């Protein structure tokens, strides 16, 4: 469990274009992540 002020663990995801993007690619920059369920899935 993360606490306020903890550094987020690194992870990688596929972008809309199919390339892999890692959290570490944005180190030192402000980043807002928005996760949403894939179409036609409970969420």
PDB file of N, CA and C in Angstrom:
ATOM      1  N   UNK A   1       0.837  -1.167   0.000  1.00  0.00           N
ATOM      2  CA  UNK A   1       0.000   0.000   0.000  1.00  0.00           C
ATOM      3  C   UNK A   1       0.888   1.238   0.000  1.00  0.00           C
ATOM      4  N   UNK A   2       0.587   2.174  -0.858  1.00  0.00           N
ATOM      5  CA  UNK A   2       1.332   3.436  -0.907  1.00  0.00           C
ATOM      6  C   UNK A   2       0.726   4.445   0.050  1.00  0.00           C
ATOM      7  N   UNK A   3       1.563   5.268   0.578  1.00  0.00           N
ATOM      8  CA  UNK A   3       1.134   6.361   1.443  1.00  0.00           C
ATOM      9  C   UNK A   3       1.353   7.683   0.717  1.00  0.00           C
ATOM     10  N   UNK A   4       0.677   8.723   1.163  1.00  0.00           N
ATOM     11  CA  UNK A   4       0.861  10.049   0.588  1.00  0.00           C
ATOM     12  C   UNK A   4       2.342  10.405   0.649  1.00  0.00           C
ATOM     13  N   UNK A   5       2.894  10.832  -0.470  1.00  0.00           N
ATOM     14  CA  UNK A   5       4.298  11.208  -0.540  1.00  0.00           C
ATOM     15  C   UNK A   5       5.216  10.096  -1.010  1.00  0.00           C
ATOM     16  N   UNK A   6       4.710   8.838  -1.045  1.00  0.00           N
ATOM     17  CA  UNK A   6       5.524   7.728  -1.542  1.00  0.00           C
ATOM     18  C   UNK A   6       5.722   7.857  -3.048  1.00  0.00           C
ATOM     19  N   UNK A   7       6.847   7.367  -3.525  1.00  0.00           N
ATOM     20  CA  UNK A   7       7.104   7.345  -4.956  1.00  0.00           C
ATOM     21  C   UNK A   7       6.328   6.185  -5.575  1.00  0.00           C
ATOM     22  N   UNK A   8       5.681   6.435  -6.684  1.00  0.00           N
ATOM     23  CA  UNK A   8       4.904   5.395  -7.360  1.00  0.00           C
ATOM     24  C   UNK A   8       5.844   4.341  -7.937  1.00  0.00           C
ATOM     25  N   UNK A   9       5.463   3.074  -7.875  1.00  0.00           N
ATOM     26  CA  UNK A   9       6.287   2.033  -8.482  1.00  0.00           C
ATOM     27  C   UNK A   9       6.232   2.148 -10.007  1.00  0.00           C
ATOM     28  N   UNK A  10       7.317   1.789 -10.670  1.00  0.00           N
ATOM     29  CA  UNK A  10       7.357   1.858 -12.121  1.00  0.00           C
ATOM     30  C   UNK A  10       6.450   0.776 -12.714  1.00  0.00           C
ATOM     31  N   UNK A  11       5.790   1.104 -13.812  1.00  0.00           N
ATOM     32  CA  UNK A  11       4.992   0.133 -14.555  1.00  0.00           C
ATOM     33  C   UNK A  11       4.968   0.555 -16.013  1.00  0.00           C
ATOM     34  N   UNK A  12       4.604  -0.373 -16.878  1.00  0.00           N
ATOM     35  CA  UNK A  12       4.527  -0.110 -18.316  1.00  0.00           C
ATOM     36  C   UNK A  12       3.162  -0.529 -18.832  1.00  0.00           C
ATOM     37  N   UNK A  13       2.666   0.216 -19.815  1.00  0.00           N
ATOM     38  CA  UNK A  13       1.382  -0.061 -20.452  1.00  0.00           C
ATOM     39  C   UNK A  13       1.515   0.179 -21.949  1.00  0.00           C
ATOM     40  N   UNK A  14       0.585  -0.382 -22.711  1.00  0.00           N
ATOM     41  CA  UNK A  14       0.545  -0.119 -24.141  1.00  0.00           C
ATOM     42  C   UNK A  14      -0.271   1.142 -24.400  1.00  0.00           C
ATOM     43  N   UNK A  15       0.239   1.983 -25.286  1.00  0.00           N
ATOM     44  CA  UNK A  15      -0.485   3.203 -25.662  1.00  0.00           C
ATOM     45  C   UNK A  15      -1.537   2.863 -26.710  1.00  0.00           C
ATOM     46  N   UNK A  16      -2.337   3.854 -27.071  1.00  0.00           N
ATOM     47  CA  UNK A  16      -3.345   3.662 -28.117  1.00  0.00           C
ATOM     48  C   UNK A  16      -2.717   3.255 -29.440  1.00  0.00           C
ATOM     49  N   UNK A  17      -1.488   3.705 -29.676  1.00  0.00           N
ATOM     50  CA  UNK A  17      -0.802   3.397 -30.932  1.00  0.00           C
ATOM     51  C   UNK A  17      -0.050   2.071 -30.886  1.00  0.00           C
ATOM     52  N   UNK A  18      -0.053   1.402 -29.716  1.00  0.00           N
ATOM     53  CA  UNK A  18       0.587   0.099 -29.598  1.00  0.00           C
ATOM     54  C   UNK A  18       2.005   0.131 -29.074  1.00  0.00           C
ATOM     55  N   UNK A  19       2.552   1.316 -28.810  1.00  0.00           N
ATOM     56  CA  UNK A  19       3.904   1.386 -28.260  1.00  0.00           C
ATOM     57  C   UNK A  19       3.849   1.267 -26.734  1.00  0.00           C
ATOM     58  N   UNK A  20       4.943   0.827 -26.141  1.00  0.00           N
ATOM     59  CA  UNK A  20       5.014   0.671 -24.696  1.00  0.00           C
ATOM     60  C   UNK A  20       5.465   1.969 -24.055  1.00  0.00           C
ATOM     61  N   UNK A  21       4.723   2.398 -23.038  1.00  0.00           N
ATOM     62  CA  UNK A  21       5.051   3.618 -22.292  1.00  0.00           C
ATOM     63  C   UNK A  21       5.264   3.221 -20.841  1.00  0.00           C
ATOM     64  N   UNK A  22       6.358   3.692 -20.242  1.00  0.00           N
ATOM     65  CA  UNK A  22       6.675   3.401 -18.849  1.00  0.00           C
ATOM     66  C   UNK A  22       6.530   4.660 -18.012  1.00  0.00           C
ATOM     67  N   UNK A  23       6.167   4.482 -16.768  1.00  0.00           N
ATOM     68  CA  UNK A  23       6.061   5.614 -15.858  1.00  0.00           C
ATOM     69  C   UNK A  23       7.398   6.339 -15.762  1.00  0.00           C
ATOM     70  N   UNK A  24       8.502   5.604 -15.808  1.00  0.00           N
ATOM     71  CA  UNK A  24       9.823   6.224 -15.688  1.00  0.00           C
ATOM     72  C   UNK A  24      10.129   7.179 -16.844  1.00  0.00           C
ATOM     73  N   UNK A  25       9.414   7.051 -17.970  1.00  0.00           N
ATOM     74  CA  UNK A  25       9.599   7.965 -19.099  1.00  0.00           C
ATOM     75  C   UNK A  25       9.199   9.391 -18.734  1.00  0.00           C
ATOM     76  N   UNK A  26       8.402   9.559 -17.675  1.00  0.00           N
ATOM     77  CA  UNK A  26       7.882  10.861 -17.290  1.00  0.00           C
ATOM     78  C   UNK A  26       8.495  11.374 -15.990  1.00  0.00           C
ATOM     79  N   UNK A  27       9.577  10.743 -15.526  1.00  0.00           N
ATOM     80  CA  UNK A  27      10.218  11.129 -14.268  1.00  0.00           C
ATOM     81  C   UNK A  27      10.584  12.611 -14.279  1.00  0.00           C
ATOM     82  N   UNK A  28      10.228  13.310 -13.194  1.00  0.00           N
ATOM     83  CA  UNK A  28      10.529  14.728 -13.061  1.00  0.00           C
ATOM     84  C   UNK A  28       9.476  15.637 -13.668  1.00  0.00           C
ATOM     85  N   UNK A  29       8.443  15.056 -14.273  1.00  0.00           N
ATOM     86  CA  UNK A  29       7.370  15.844 -14.877  1.00  0.00           C
ATOM     87  C   UNK A  29       6.061  15.550 -14.157  1.00  0.00           C
ATOM     88  N   UNK A  30       5.151  16.483 -14.189  1.00  0.00           N
ATOM     89  CA  UNK A  30       3.831  16.263 -13.611  1.00  0.00           C
ATOM     90  C   UNK A  30       3.032  15.385 -14.568  1.00  0.00           C
ATOM     91  N   UNK A  31       2.376  14.387 -14.025  1.00  0.00           N
ATOM     92  CA  UNK A  31       1.640  13.438 -14.848  1.00  0.00           C
ATOM     93  C   UNK A  31       0.321  13.110 -14.171  1.00  0.00           C
ATOM     94  N   UNK A  32      -0.757  13.179 -14.924  1.00  0.00           N
ATOM     95  CA  UNK A  32      -2.075  12.788 -14.427  1.00  0.00           C
ATOM     96  C   UNK A  32      -2.489  11.537 -15.186  1.00  0.00           C
ATOM     97  N   UNK A  33      -2.789  10.471 -14.466  1.00  0.00           N
ATOM     98  CA  UNK A  33      -3.214   9.211 -15.085  1.00  0.00           C
ATOM     99  C   UNK A  33      -4.707   9.039 -14.905  1.00  0.00           C
ATOM    100  N   UNK A  34      -5.366   8.610 -15.949  1.00  0.00           N
ATOM    101  CA  UNK A  34      -6.789   8.348 -15.892  1.00  0.00           C
ATOM    102  C   UNK A  34      -7.003   6.940 -16.411  1.00  0.00           C
ATOM    103  N   UNK A  35      -7.458   6.041 -15.553  1.00  0.00           N
ATOM    104  CA  UNK A  35      -7.734   4.668 -15.932  1.00  0.00           C
ATOM    105  C   UNK A  35      -9.228   4.499 -16.096  1.00  0.00           C
ATOM    106  N   UNK A  36      -9.635   3.855 -17.154  1.00  0.00           N
ATOM    107  CA  UNK A  36     -11.049   3.620 -17.382  1.00  0.00           C
ATOM    108  C   UNK A  36     -11.231   2.209 -17.917  1.00  0.00           C
ATOM    109  N   UNK A  37     -12.395   1.617 -17.690  1.00  0.00           N
ATOM    110  CA  UNK A  37     -12.612   0.242 -18.159  1.00  0.00           C
ATOM    111  C   UNK A  37     -12.746   0.208 -19.685  1.00  0.00           C
ATOM    112  N   UNK A  38     -12.312  -0.875 -20.260  1.00  0.00           N
ATOM    113  CA  UNK A  38     -12.465  -1.092 -21.678  1.00  0.00           C
ATOM    114  C   UNK A  38     -13.960  -1.182 -22.012  1.00  0.00           C
ATOM    115  N   UNK A  39     -14.333  -0.798 -23.200  1.00  0.00           N
ATOM    116  CA  UNK A  39     -15.745  -0.809 -23.597  1.00  0.00           C
ATOM    117  C   UNK A  39     -16.375  -2.190 -23.365  1.00  0.00           C
ATOM    118  N   UNK A  40     -17.609  -2.180 -22.941  1.00  0.00           N
ATOM    119  CA  UNK A  40     -18.396  -3.394 -22.696  1.00  0.00           C
ATOM    120  C   UNK A  40     -17.845  -4.263 -21.574  1.00  0.00           C
ATOM    121  N   UNK A  41     -17.177  -3.648 -20.603  1.00  0.00           N
ATOM    122  CA  UNK A  41     -16.732  -4.395 -19.427  1.00  0.00           C
ATOM    123  C   UNK A  41     -17.292  -3.716 -18.190  1.00  0.00           C
ATOM    124  N   UNK A  42     -17.519  -4.475 -17.119  1.00  0.00           N
ATOM    125  CA  UNK A  42     -18.006  -3.829 -15.908  1.00  0.00           C
ATOM    126  C   UNK A  42     -16.908  -2.910 -15.357  1.00  0.00           C
ATOM    127  N   UNK A  43     -17.287  -1.809 -14.837  1.00  0.00           N
ATOM    128  CA  UNK A  43     -16.246  -0.940 -14.363  1.00  0.00           C
ATOM    129  C   UNK A  43     -16.731   0.104 -13.448  1.00  0.00           C
TER     130      UNK A  43
END
